Amino acid sequence: MTLVDRIIADLSPVDVVPLDAVEDDMKRLLLDELDRRGFVVDSRGVLGEVSICSVCSGDGEVKGRACPQCDGFATTCNFGRGQRPYRQ
């Protein structure tokens, strides 16, 4: 198990990712691996989980209108305060 895997193994949405504690090369690897696993980190270092919208099943619309859950973007992100539209 690599250092990146050890850091990610204990993380869940809402956790703060320790980006300041790692070197730039390791930070890039960590962010790439989080992205590959469907996670994003906001400007405060909080981890969020990206997923396909459960309301519109990734179509971006419901009955011809923008989906109220994802705002037409087809994906949502959960930073621990419910699902929010995620603009990639």
Protein backbone atom coordinates (compact mmCIF):
# COMPACT_ATOMS: atom_id res chain seq x y z
CA MET A 1 0.00 0.00 0.00
CA THR A 2 1.42 3.39 -1.02
CA LEU A 3 1.38 6.56 1.06
CA VAL A 4 -1.39 7.98 -1.14
CA ASP A 5 -3.52 4.87 -0.55
CA ARG A 6 -2.97 5.15 3.22
CA ILE A 7 -4.04 8.80 3.23
CA ILE A 8 -7.15 8.12 1.12
CA ALA A 9 -8.18 4.95 2.99
CA ASP A 10 -9.24 6.90 6.09
CA LEU A 11 -10.97 9.77 4.28
CA SER A 12 -14.68 10.27 3.76
CA PRO A 13 -16.73 13.27 2.56
CA VAL A 14 -16.48 16.27 4.93
CA ASP A 15 -12.95 15.32 6.08
CA VAL A 16 -10.20 17.86 5.56
CA VAL A 17 -7.50 16.55 3.23
CA PRO A 18 -4.01 17.29 4.61
CA LEU A 19 -2.67 18.94 1.44
CA ASP A 20 -0.36 21.29 3.34
CA ALA A 21 1.38 18.36 5.00
CA VAL A 22 2.65 16.82 1.76
CA GLU A 23 5.17 17.92 -0.84
CA ASP A 24 4.06 19.30 -4.21
CA ASP A 25 4.74 16.05 -6.12
CA MET A 26 2.82 14.02 -3.53
CA LYS A 27 0.02 16.61 -3.51
CA ARG A 28 -0.39 16.20 -7.28
CA LEU A 29 -0.48 12.40 -6.94
CA LEU A 30 -2.99 12.63 -4.09
CA LEU A 31 -5.30 14.97 -6.01
CA ASP A 32 -5.07 12.83 -9.15
CA GLU A 33 -5.96 9.69 -7.19
CA LEU A 34 -8.86 11.42 -5.42
CA ASP A 35 -10.16 12.58 -8.81
CA ARG A 36 -9.85 9.07 -10.21
CA ARG A 37 -11.92 7.74 -7.29
CA GLY A 38 -14.69 10.32 -7.78
CA PHE A 39 -13.73 12.86 -5.12
CA VAL A 40 -12.88 16.57 -5.24
CA VAL A 41 -11.30 18.94 -2.74
CA ASP A 42 -12.71 22.45 -2.29
CA SER A 43 -10.67 25.59 -1.56
CA ARG A 44 -10.76 24.89 2.20
CA GLY A 45 -9.37 21.37 1.72
CA VAL A 46 -12.71 19.67 2.45
CA LEU A 47 -13.31 16.40 0.62
CA GLY A 48 -16.48 16.01 -1.44
CA GLU A 49 -17.85 13.01 -3.30
CA VAL A 50 -18.98 13.47 -6.90
CA SER A 51 -21.79 11.29 -8.23
CA ILE A 52 -24.34 11.06 -11.02
CA CYS A 53 -27.53 12.89 -10.08
CA SER A 54 -30.04 10.51 -8.51
CA VAL A 55 -33.06 12.61 -9.52
CA CYS A 56 -32.48 12.76 -13.28
CA SER A 57 -30.10 9.76 -13.56
CA GLY A 58 -27.50 11.95 -15.24
CA ASP A 59 -29.77 13.34 -17.98
CA GLY A 60 -29.66 16.88 -16.60
CA GLU A 61 -33.36 17.47 -17.06
CA VAL A 62 -36.71 16.37 -15.67
CA LYS A 63 -39.80 16.77 -17.85
CA GLY A 64 -37.98 19.07 -20.26
CA ARG A 65 -36.64 21.41 -17.58
CA ALA A 66 -33.28 21.61 -15.82
CA CYS A 67 -33.12 19.09 -13.00
CA PRO A 68 -33.73 20.76 -9.62
CA GLN A 69 -31.08 18.61 -7.91
CA CYS A 70 -28.14 19.06 -10.31
CA ASP A 71 -29.25 22.28 -12.05
CA GLY A 72 -28.82 20.60 -15.43
CA PHE A 73 -25.17 19.57 -14.92
CA ALA A 74 -25.97 15.82 -14.49
CA THR A 75 -23.59 15.42 -11.54
CA THR A 76 -23.79 16.38 -7.88
CA CYS A 77 -21.22 16.72 -5.12
CA ASN A 78 -21.69 16.04 -1.42
CA PHE A 79 -19.48 18.02 0.96
CA GLY A 80 -21.52 16.85 3.95
CA ARG A 81 -24.32 19.36 3.58
CA GLY A 82 -26.42 17.48 1.05
CA GLN A 83 -26.15 17.12 -2.70
CA ARG A 84 -25.21 20.25 -4.60
CA PRO A 85 -24.82 20.74 -8.37
CA TYR A 86 -21.29 19.95 -9.51
CA ARG A 87 -19.95 21.88 -12.49
CA GLN A 88 -16.99 20.05 -13.90
